[in-house]
PDB file of all heavy atoms in Angstrom:
ATOM      1  N   ASP A   1      43.580 273.639 108.317  1.00  0.00           N
ATOM      2  CA  ASP A   1      42.586 272.612 108.681  1.00  0.00           C
ATOM      3  C   ASP A   1      41.371 273.213 109.206  1.00  0.00           C
ATOM      4  O   ASP A   1      41.251 274.390 109.800  1.00  0.00           O
ATOM      5  CB  ASP A   1      43.276 271.767 109.693  1.00  0.00           C
ATOM      6  CG  ASP A   1      42.502 270.463 109.902  1.00  0.00           C
ATOM      7  OD1 ASP A   1      41.328 270.493 110.283  1.00  0.00           O
ATOM      8  OD2 ASP A   1      43.121 269.416 109.722  1.00  0.00           O
ATOM      9  N   GLN A   2      40.180 272.492 109.147  1.00  0.00           N
ATOM     10  CA  GLN A   2      38.970 273.061 109.656  1.00  0.00           C
ATOM     11  C   GLN A   2      38.981 273.349 111.141  1.00  0.00           C
ATOM     12  O   GLN A   2      38.087 274.073 111.664  1.00  0.00           O
ATOM     13  CB  GLN A   2      37.709 272.138 109.252  1.00  0.00           C
ATOM     14  CG  GLN A   2      37.933 270.744 109.851  1.00  0.00           C
ATOM     15  CD  GLN A   2      36.881 269.829 109.247  1.00  0.00           C
ATOM     16  OE1 GLN A   2      36.212 270.150 108.267  1.00  0.00           O
ATOM     17  NE2 GLN A   2      36.795 268.666 109.760  1.00  0.00           N
ATOM     18  N   GLY A   3      39.897 272.766 111.887  1.00  0.00           N
ATOM     19  CA  GLY A   3      40.049 273.174 113.265  1.00  0.00           C
ATOM     20  C   GLY A   3      40.331 274.548 113.577  1.00  0.00           C
ATOM     21  O   GLY A   3      40.325 275.035 114.616  1.00  0.00           O
ATOM     22  N   PHE A   4      40.869 275.293 112.516  1.00  0.00           N
ATOM     23  CA  PHE A   4      41.301 276.598 112.731  1.00  0.00           C
ATOM     24  C   PHE A   4      40.273 277.590 112.245  1.00  0.00           C
ATOM     25  O   PHE A   4      40.488 278.821 112.180  1.00  0.00           O
ATOM     26  CB  PHE A   4      42.609 276.945 111.922  1.00  0.00           C
ATOM     27  CG  PHE A   4      43.792 276.207 112.501  1.00  0.00           C
ATOM     28  CD1 PHE A   4      44.238 274.996 111.996  1.00  0.00           C
ATOM     29  CD2 PHE A   4      44.417 276.731 113.649  1.00  0.00           C
ATOM     30  CE1 PHE A   4      45.311 274.373 112.508  1.00  0.00           C
ATOM     31  CE2 PHE A   4      45.547 276.056 114.121  1.00  0.00           C
ATOM     32  CZ  PHE A   4      45.985 274.843 113.635  1.00  0.00           C
ATOM     33  N   ALA A   5      39.103 277.123 111.867  1.00  0.00           N
ATOM     34  CA  ALA A   5      37.933 277.990 111.511  1.00  0.00           C
ATOM     35  C   ALA A   5      37.554 278.897 112.575  1.00  0.00           C
ATOM     36  O   ALA A   5      37.678 278.591 113.762  1.00  0.00           O
ATOM     37  CB  ALA A   5      36.794 277.200 110.933  1.00  0.00           C
ATOM     38  N   GLY A   6      36.985 280.033 112.271  1.00  0.00           N
ATOM     39  CA  GLY A   6      36.459 280.913 113.413  1.00  0.00           C
ATOM     40  C   GLY A   6      37.078 282.297 113.266  1.00  0.00           C
ATOM     41  O   GLY A   6      37.363 282.834 112.180  1.00  0.00           O
ATOM     42  N   ARG A   7      37.386 282.877 114.481  1.00  0.00           N
ATOM     43  CA  ARG A   7      37.949 284.153 114.511  1.00  0.00           C
ATOM     44  C   ARG A   7      39.359 284.321 113.863  1.00  0.00           C
ATOM     45  O   ARG A   7      39.758 285.415 113.462  1.00  0.00           O
ATOM     46  CB  ARG A   7      37.962 284.650 115.937  1.00  0.00           C
ATOM     47  CG  ARG A   7      36.645 284.776 116.533  1.00  0.00           C
ATOM     48  CD  ARG A   7      36.727 285.349 117.970  1.00  0.00           C
ATOM     49  NE  ARG A   7      37.922 285.027 118.727  1.00  0.00           N
ATOM     50  CZ  ARG A   7      38.163 285.394 119.945  1.00  0.00           C
ATOM     51  NH1 ARG A   7      37.347 286.051 120.548  1.00  0.00           N
ATOM     52  NH2 ARG A   7      39.365 285.001 120.462  1.00  0.00           N
ATOM     53  N   LEU A   8      40.114 283.245 113.756  1.00  0.00           N
ATOM     54  CA  LEU A   8      41.403 283.247 113.102  1.00  0.00           C
ATOM     55  C   LEU A   8      41.463 283.757 111.740  1.00  0.00           C
ATOM     56  O   LEU A   8      42.295 284.502 111.279  1.00  0.00           O
ATOM     57  CB  LEU A   8      42.104 281.877 113.213  1.00  0.00           C
ATOM     58  CG  LEU A   8      43.458 281.873 112.698  1.00  0.00           C
ATOM     59  CD1 LEU A   8      44.463 282.676 113.513  1.00  0.00           C
ATOM     60  CD2 LEU A   8      44.003 280.409 112.717  1.00  0.00           C
ATOM     61  N   VAL A   9      40.362 283.414 110.971  1.00  0.00           N
ATOM     62  CA  VAL A   9      40.274 283.871 109.569  1.00  0.00           C
ATOM     63  C   VAL A   9      40.205 285.317 109.498  1.00  0.00           C
ATOM     64  O   VAL A   9      40.857 285.999 108.670  1.00  0.00           O
ATOM     65  CB  VAL A   9      38.991 283.136 108.894  1.00  0.00           C
ATOM     66  CG1 VAL A   9      38.747 283.738 107.541  1.00  0.00           C
ATOM     67  CG2 VAL A   9      39.059 281.656 108.945  1.00  0.00           C
ATOM     68  N   ASP A  10      39.322 285.991 110.302  1.00  0.00           N
ATOM     69  CA  ASP A  10      39.239 287.440 110.380  1.00  0.00           C
ATOM     70  C   ASP A  10      40.474 288.114 110.876  1.00  0.00           C
ATOM     71  O   ASP A  10      40.891 289.086 110.381  1.00  0.00           O
ATOM     72  CB  ASP A  10      38.013 287.915 111.143  1.00  0.00           C
ATOM     73  CG  ASP A  10      36.637 287.344 110.685  1.00  0.00           C
ATOM     74  OD1 ASP A  10      36.569 287.157 109.537  1.00  0.00           O
ATOM     75  OD2 ASP A  10      35.855 287.081 111.534  1.00  0.00           O
ATOM     76  N   TRP A  11      41.071 287.518 111.828  1.00  0.00           N
ATOM     77  CA  TRP A  11      42.300 288.088 112.370  1.00  0.00           C
ATOM     78  C   TRP A  11      43.430 288.005 111.396  1.00  0.00           C
ATOM     79  O   TRP A  11      44.141 288.995 111.222  1.00  0.00           O
ATOM     80  CB  TRP A  11      42.720 287.237 113.685  1.00  0.00           C
ATOM     81  CG  TRP A  11      44.006 287.834 114.327  1.00  0.00           C
ATOM     82  CD1 TRP A  11      44.058 288.897 115.155  1.00  0.00           C
ATOM     83  CD2 TRP A  11      45.350 287.293 114.080  1.00  0.00           C
ATOM     84  NE1 TRP A  11      45.387 289.124 115.480  1.00  0.00           N
ATOM     85  CE2 TRP A  11      46.207 288.091 114.878  1.00  0.00           C
ATOM     86  CE3 TRP A  11      45.784 286.258 113.321  1.00  0.00           C
ATOM     87  CZ2 TRP A  11      47.602 287.843 114.909  1.00  0.00           C
ATOM     88  CZ3 TRP A  11      47.221 286.127 113.357  1.00  0.00           C
ATOM     89  CH2 TRP A  11      48.033 286.800 114.059  1.00  0.00           C
ATOM     90  N   ALA A  12      43.540 286.893 110.637  1.00  0.00           N
ATOM     91  CA  ALA A  12      44.591 286.881 109.636  1.00  0.00           C
ATOM     92  C   ALA A  12      44.431 287.817 108.441  1.00  0.00           C
ATOM     93  O   ALA A  12      45.326 288.489 107.988  1.00  0.00           O
ATOM     94  CB  ALA A  12      44.654 285.397 109.025  1.00  0.00           C
ATOM     95  N   ARG A  13      43.061 288.041 108.168  1.00  0.00           N
ATOM     96  CA  ARG A  13      42.794 289.049 107.113  1.00  0.00           C
ATOM     97  C   ARG A  13      43.062 290.549 107.570  1.00  0.00           C
ATOM     98  O   ARG A  13      43.696 291.265 106.841  1.00  0.00           O
ATOM     99  CB  ARG A  13      41.269 288.910 106.705  1.00  0.00           C
ATOM    100  CG  ARG A  13      40.833 289.881 105.498  1.00  0.00           C
ATOM    101  CD  ARG A  13      39.424 289.913 105.389  1.00  0.00           C
ATOM    102  NE  ARG A  13      38.763 290.468 106.602  1.00  0.00           N
ATOM    103  CZ  ARG A  13      37.812 289.786 107.191  1.00  0.00           C
ATOM    104  NH1 ARG A  13      37.311 288.579 106.750  1.00  0.00           N
ATOM    105  NH2 ARG A  13      37.238 290.314 108.239  1.00  0.00           N
ATOM    106  N   ASP A  14      42.650 290.834 108.803  1.00  0.00           N
ATOM    107  CA  ASP A  14      42.681 292.216 109.256  1.00  0.00           C
ATOM    108  C   ASP A  14      44.115 292.577 109.712  1.00  0.00           C
ATOM    109  O   ASP A  14      44.693 293.619 109.427  1.00  0.00           O
ATOM    110  CB  ASP A  14      41.731 292.391 110.312  1.00  0.00           C
ATOM    111  CG  ASP A  14      40.289 292.300 109.934  1.00  0.00           C
ATOM    112  OD1 ASP A  14      40.032 292.323 108.773  1.00  0.00           O
ATOM    113  OD2 ASP A  14      39.452 291.975 110.858  1.00  0.00           O
ATOM    114  N   THR A  15      44.755 291.625 110.450  1.00  0.00           N
ATOM    115  CA  THR A  15      46.064 292.024 110.972  1.00  0.00           C
ATOM    116  C   THR A  15      47.183 291.650 110.123  1.00  0.00           C
ATOM    117  O   THR A  15      48.143 292.432 109.980  1.00  0.00           O
ATOM    118  CB  THR A  15      46.234 291.149 112.371  1.00  0.00           C
ATOM    119  OG1 THR A  15      45.106 291.439 113.151  1.00  0.00           O
ATOM    120  CG2 THR A  15      47.507 291.554 113.142  1.00  0.00           C
ATOM    121  N   LEU A  16      47.202 290.504 109.540  1.00  0.00           N
ATOM    122  CA  LEU A  16      48.401 290.056 108.709  1.00  0.00           C
ATOM    123  C   LEU A  16      48.091 290.322 107.164  1.00  0.00           C
ATOM    124  O   LEU A  16      49.044 290.066 106.425  1.00  0.00           O
ATOM    125  CB  LEU A  16      48.590 288.601 108.907  1.00  0.00           C
ATOM    126  CG  LEU A  16      48.878 288.113 110.323  1.00  0.00           C
ATOM    127  CD1 LEU A  16      49.123 286.582 110.451  1.00  0.00           C
ATOM    128  CD2 LEU A  16      50.189 288.796 110.855  1.00  0.00           C
ATOM    129  N   ARG A  17      46.964 290.772 106.867  1.00  0.00           N
ATOM    130  CA  ARG A  17      46.618 290.986 105.453  1.00  0.00           C
ATOM    131  C   ARG A  17      46.836 289.699 104.655  1.00  0.00           C
ATOM    132  O   ARG A  17      47.484 289.756 103.602  1.00  0.00           O
ATOM    133  CB  ARG A  17      47.309 292.095 104.896  1.00  0.00           C
ATOM    134  CG  ARG A  17      46.973 293.445 105.489  1.00  0.00           C
ATOM    135  CD  ARG A  17      47.843 294.670 104.966  1.00  0.00           C
ATOM    136  NE  ARG A  17      47.921 295.625 105.928  1.00  0.00           N
ATOM    137  CZ  ARG A  17      48.907 295.897 106.802  1.00  0.00           C
ATOM    138  NH1 ARG A  17      49.834 295.078 106.829  1.00  0.00           N
ATOM    139  NH2 ARG A  17      48.935 296.868 107.719  1.00  0.00           N
ATOM    140  N   THR A  18      46.347 288.633 105.186  1.00  0.00           N
ATOM    141  CA  THR A  18      46.560 287.234 104.545  1.00  0.00           C
ATOM    142  C   THR A  18      45.301 286.579 104.426  1.00  0.00           C
ATOM    143  O   THR A  18      44.474 286.634 105.323  1.00  0.00           O
ATOM    144  CB  THR A  18      47.625 286.502 105.306  1.00  0.00           C
ATOM    145  OG1 THR A  18      48.789 287.087 105.515  1.00  0.00           O
ATOM    146  CG2 THR A  18      47.782 285.115 104.703  1.00  0.00           C
ATOM    147  N   THR A  19      45.018 285.927 103.303  1.00  0.00           N
ATOM    148  CA  THR A  19      43.820 285.122 103.071  1.00  0.00           C
ATOM    149  C   THR A  19      44.036 283.790 103.813  1.00  0.00           C
ATOM    150  O   THR A  19      45.050 282.961 103.378  1.00  0.00           O
ATOM    151  CB  THR A  19      43.462 284.932 101.714  1.00  0.00           C
ATOM    152  OG1 THR A  19      43.356 286.315 101.077  1.00  0.00           O
ATOM    153  CG2 THR A  19      42.241 284.161 101.455  1.00  0.00           C
ATOM    154  N   LEU A  20      43.219 283.291 104.680  1.00  0.00           N
ATOM    155  CA  LEU A  20      43.226 282.084 105.335  1.00  0.00           C
ATOM    156  C   LEU A  20      42.152 281.178 104.779  1.00  0.00           C
ATOM    157  O   LEU A  20      40.945 281.533 105.089  1.00  0.00           O
ATOM    158  CB  LEU A  20      43.096 282.204 106.961  1.00  0.00           C
ATOM    159  CG  LEU A  20      43.284 280.924 107.722  1.00  0.00           C
ATOM    160  CD1 LEU A  20      44.734 280.335 107.471  1.00  0.00           C
ATOM    161  CD2 LEU A  20      43.015 281.178 109.152  1.00  0.00           C
ATOM    162  N   GLU A  21      42.414 280.159 104.005  1.00  0.00           N
ATOM    163  CA  GLU A  21      41.356 279.330 103.405  1.00  0.00           C
ATOM    164  C   GLU A  21      41.283 278.134 104.183  1.00  0.00           C
ATOM    165  O   GLU A  21      42.202 277.399 104.444  1.00  0.00           O
ATOM    166  CB  GLU A  21      41.741 279.016 101.941  1.00  0.00           C
ATOM    167  CG  GLU A  21      40.645 278.237 101.257  1.00  0.00           C
ATOM    168  CD  GLU A  21      40.956 277.906  99.807  1.00  0.00           C
ATOM    169  OE1 GLU A  21      41.758 278.669  99.158  1.00  0.00           O
ATOM    170  OE2 GLU A  21      40.536 276.838  99.327  1.00  0.00           O
ATOM    171  N   ILE A  22      40.111 277.789 104.744  1.00  0.00           N
ATOM    172  CA  ILE A  22      39.913 276.648 105.580  1.00  0.00           C
ATOM    173  C   ILE A  22      39.595 275.478 104.538  1.00  0.00           C
ATOM    174  O   ILE A  22      38.612 275.533 103.694  1.00  0.00           O
ATOM    175  CB  ILE A  22      38.714 276.781 106.519  1.00  0.00           C
ATOM    176  CG1 ILE A  22      39.015 278.007 107.400  1.00  0.00           C
ATOM    177  CG2 ILE A  22      38.477 275.510 107.285  1.00  0.00           C
ATOM    178  CD1 ILE A  22      40.243 277.868 108.257  1.00  0.00           C
ATOM    179  N   VAL A  23      40.315 274.389 104.671  1.00  0.00           N
ATOM    180  CA  VAL A  23      40.093 273.214 103.765  1.00  0.00           C
ATOM    181  C   VAL A  23      39.243 272.241 104.641  1.00  0.00           C
ATOM    182  O   VAL A  23      39.601 271.733 105.670  1.00  0.00           O
ATOM    183  CB  VAL A  23      41.427 272.477 103.494  1.00  0.00           C
ATOM    184  CG1 VAL A  23      41.223 271.304 102.659  1.00  0.00           C
ATOM    185  CG2 VAL A  23      42.362 273.532 102.733  1.00  0.00           C
ATOM    186  N   ARG A  24      38.043 271.914 104.106  1.00  0.00           N
ATOM    187  CA  ARG A  24      37.058 271.127 104.840  1.00  0.00           C
ATOM    188  C   ARG A  24      36.906 269.726 104.042  1.00  0.00           C
ATOM    189  O   ARG A  24      37.124 269.762 102.863  1.00  0.00           O
ATOM    190  CB  ARG A  24      35.727 271.837 104.897  1.00  0.00           C
ATOM    191  CG  ARG A  24      35.816 273.122 105.699  1.00  0.00           C
ATOM    192  CD  ARG A  24      34.426 273.709 105.847  1.00  0.00           C
ATOM    193  NE  ARG A  24      34.437 275.040 106.444  1.00  0.00           N
ATOM    194  CZ  ARG A  24      34.648 275.237 107.678  1.00  0.00           C
ATOM    195  NH1 ARG A  24      34.636 274.222 108.537  1.00  0.00           N
ATOM    196  NH2 ARG A  24      34.620 276.497 108.279  1.00  0.00           N
ATOM    197  N   LYS A  25      36.509 268.671 104.775  1.00  0.00           N
ATOM    198  CA  LYS A  25      36.346 267.452 104.170  1.00  0.00           C
ATOM    199  C   LYS A  25      34.920 267.435 103.596  1.00  0.00           C
ATOM    200  O   LYS A  25      34.060 268.209 104.156  1.00  0.00           O
ATOM    201  CB  LYS A  25      36.573 266.288 105.171  1.00  0.00           C
ATOM    202  CG  LYS A  25      35.587 266.269 106.289  1.00  0.00           C
ATOM    203  CD  LYS A  25      35.939 265.055 107.187  1.00  0.00           C
ATOM    204  CE  LYS A  25      34.902 264.824 108.233  1.00  0.00           C
ATOM    205  NZ  LYS A  25      35.091 263.678 109.056  1.00  0.00           N
ATOM    206  N   PRO A  26      34.639 266.718 102.592  1.00  0.00           N
ATOM    207  CA  PRO A  26      33.247 266.593 102.081  1.00  0.00           C
ATOM    208  C   PRO A  26      32.277 266.017 103.168  1.00  0.00           C
ATOM    209  O   PRO A  26      32.614 265.192 103.896  1.00  0.00           O
ATOM    210  CB  PRO A  26      33.453 265.632 100.937  1.00  0.00           C
ATOM    211  CG  PRO A  26      34.864 265.508 100.578  1.00  0.00           C
ATOM    212  CD  PRO A  26      35.561 265.961 101.802  1.00  0.00           C
ATOM    213  N   ALA A  27      31.134 266.590 103.158  1.00  0.00           N
ATOM    214  CA  ALA A  27      30.062 266.163 104.193  1.00  0.00           C
ATOM    215  C   ALA A  27      29.683 264.728 104.094  1.00  0.00           C
ATOM    216  O   ALA A  27      29.447 264.082 105.133  1.00  0.00           O
ATOM    217  CB  ALA A  27      28.855 267.075 104.047  1.00  0.00           C
ATOM    218  N   ASP A  28      29.834 264.126 102.941  1.00  0.00           N
ATOM    219  CA  ASP A  28      29.433 262.717 102.830  1.00  0.00           C
ATOM    220  C   ASP A  28      30.613 261.800 102.892  1.00  0.00           C
ATOM    221  O   ASP A  28      30.471 260.518 102.597  1.00  0.00           O
ATOM    222  CB  ASP A  28      28.659 262.469 101.467  1.00  0.00           C
ATOM    223  CG  ASP A  28      29.494 262.908 100.246  1.00  0.00           C
ATOM    224  OD1 ASP A  28      30.595 263.575 100.433  1.00  0.00           O
ATOM    225  OD2 ASP A  28      29.258 262.539  99.079  1.00  0.00           O
ATOM    226  N   GLN A  29      31.725 262.192 103.333  1.00  0.00           N
ATOM    227  CA  GLN A  29      32.955 261.434 103.363  1.00  0.00           C
ATOM    228  C   GLN A  29      32.884 260.363 104.450  1.00  0.00           C
ATOM    229  O   GLN A  29      32.502 260.614 105.599  1.00  0.00           O
ATOM    230  CB  GLN A  29      34.113 262.219 103.623  1.00  0.00           C
ATOM    231  CG  GLN A  29      35.426 261.417 103.740  1.00  0.00           C
ATOM    232  CD  GLN A  29      36.675 262.348 104.077  1.00  0.00           C
ATOM    233  OE1 GLN A  29      36.686 263.436 103.617  1.00  0.00           O
ATOM    234  NE2 GLN A  29      37.577 261.737 104.756  1.00  0.00           N
ATOM    235  N   ARG A  30      33.202 259.155 104.157  1.00  0.00           N
ATOM    236  CA  ARG A  30      33.269 258.002 105.057  1.00  0.00           C
ATOM    237  C   ARG A  30      34.701 257.437 104.949  1.00  0.00           C
ATOM    238  O   ARG A  30      35.139 257.130 103.845  1.00  0.00           O
ATOM    239  CB  ARG A  30      32.218 256.901 104.752  1.00  0.00           C
ATOM    240  CG  ARG A  30      30.867 257.421 104.905  1.00  0.00           C
ATOM    241  CD  ARG A  30      30.406 257.296 106.350  1.00  0.00           C
ATOM    242  NE  ARG A  30      29.029 257.675 106.383  1.00  0.00           N
ATOM    243  CZ  ARG A  30      28.476 258.444 107.351  1.00  0.00           C
ATOM    244  NH1 ARG A  30      29.261 258.969 108.313  1.00  0.00           N
ATOM    245  NH2 ARG A  30      27.193 258.693 107.309  1.00  0.00           N
ATOM    246  N   GLY A  31      35.348 257.266 106.052  1.00  0.00           N
ATOM    247  CA  GLY A  31      36.770 256.726 106.023  1.00  0.00           C
ATOM    248  C   GLY A  31      37.715 257.685 105.494  1.00  0.00           C
ATOM    249  O   GLY A  31      37.484 258.865 105.483  1.00  0.00           O
TER     250      GLY A  31
END
C-alpha cells in the first residue's frame, strides 16, 4: 500500500533483495 512508501522500498531492495512495488490509487479517483 502507498502507506509503506519511503525508506522501506530501499531497505527491502538492499537487505532482503526483494522488489517492493507501491500500489497507488489514481490521482483523479473519487470514491
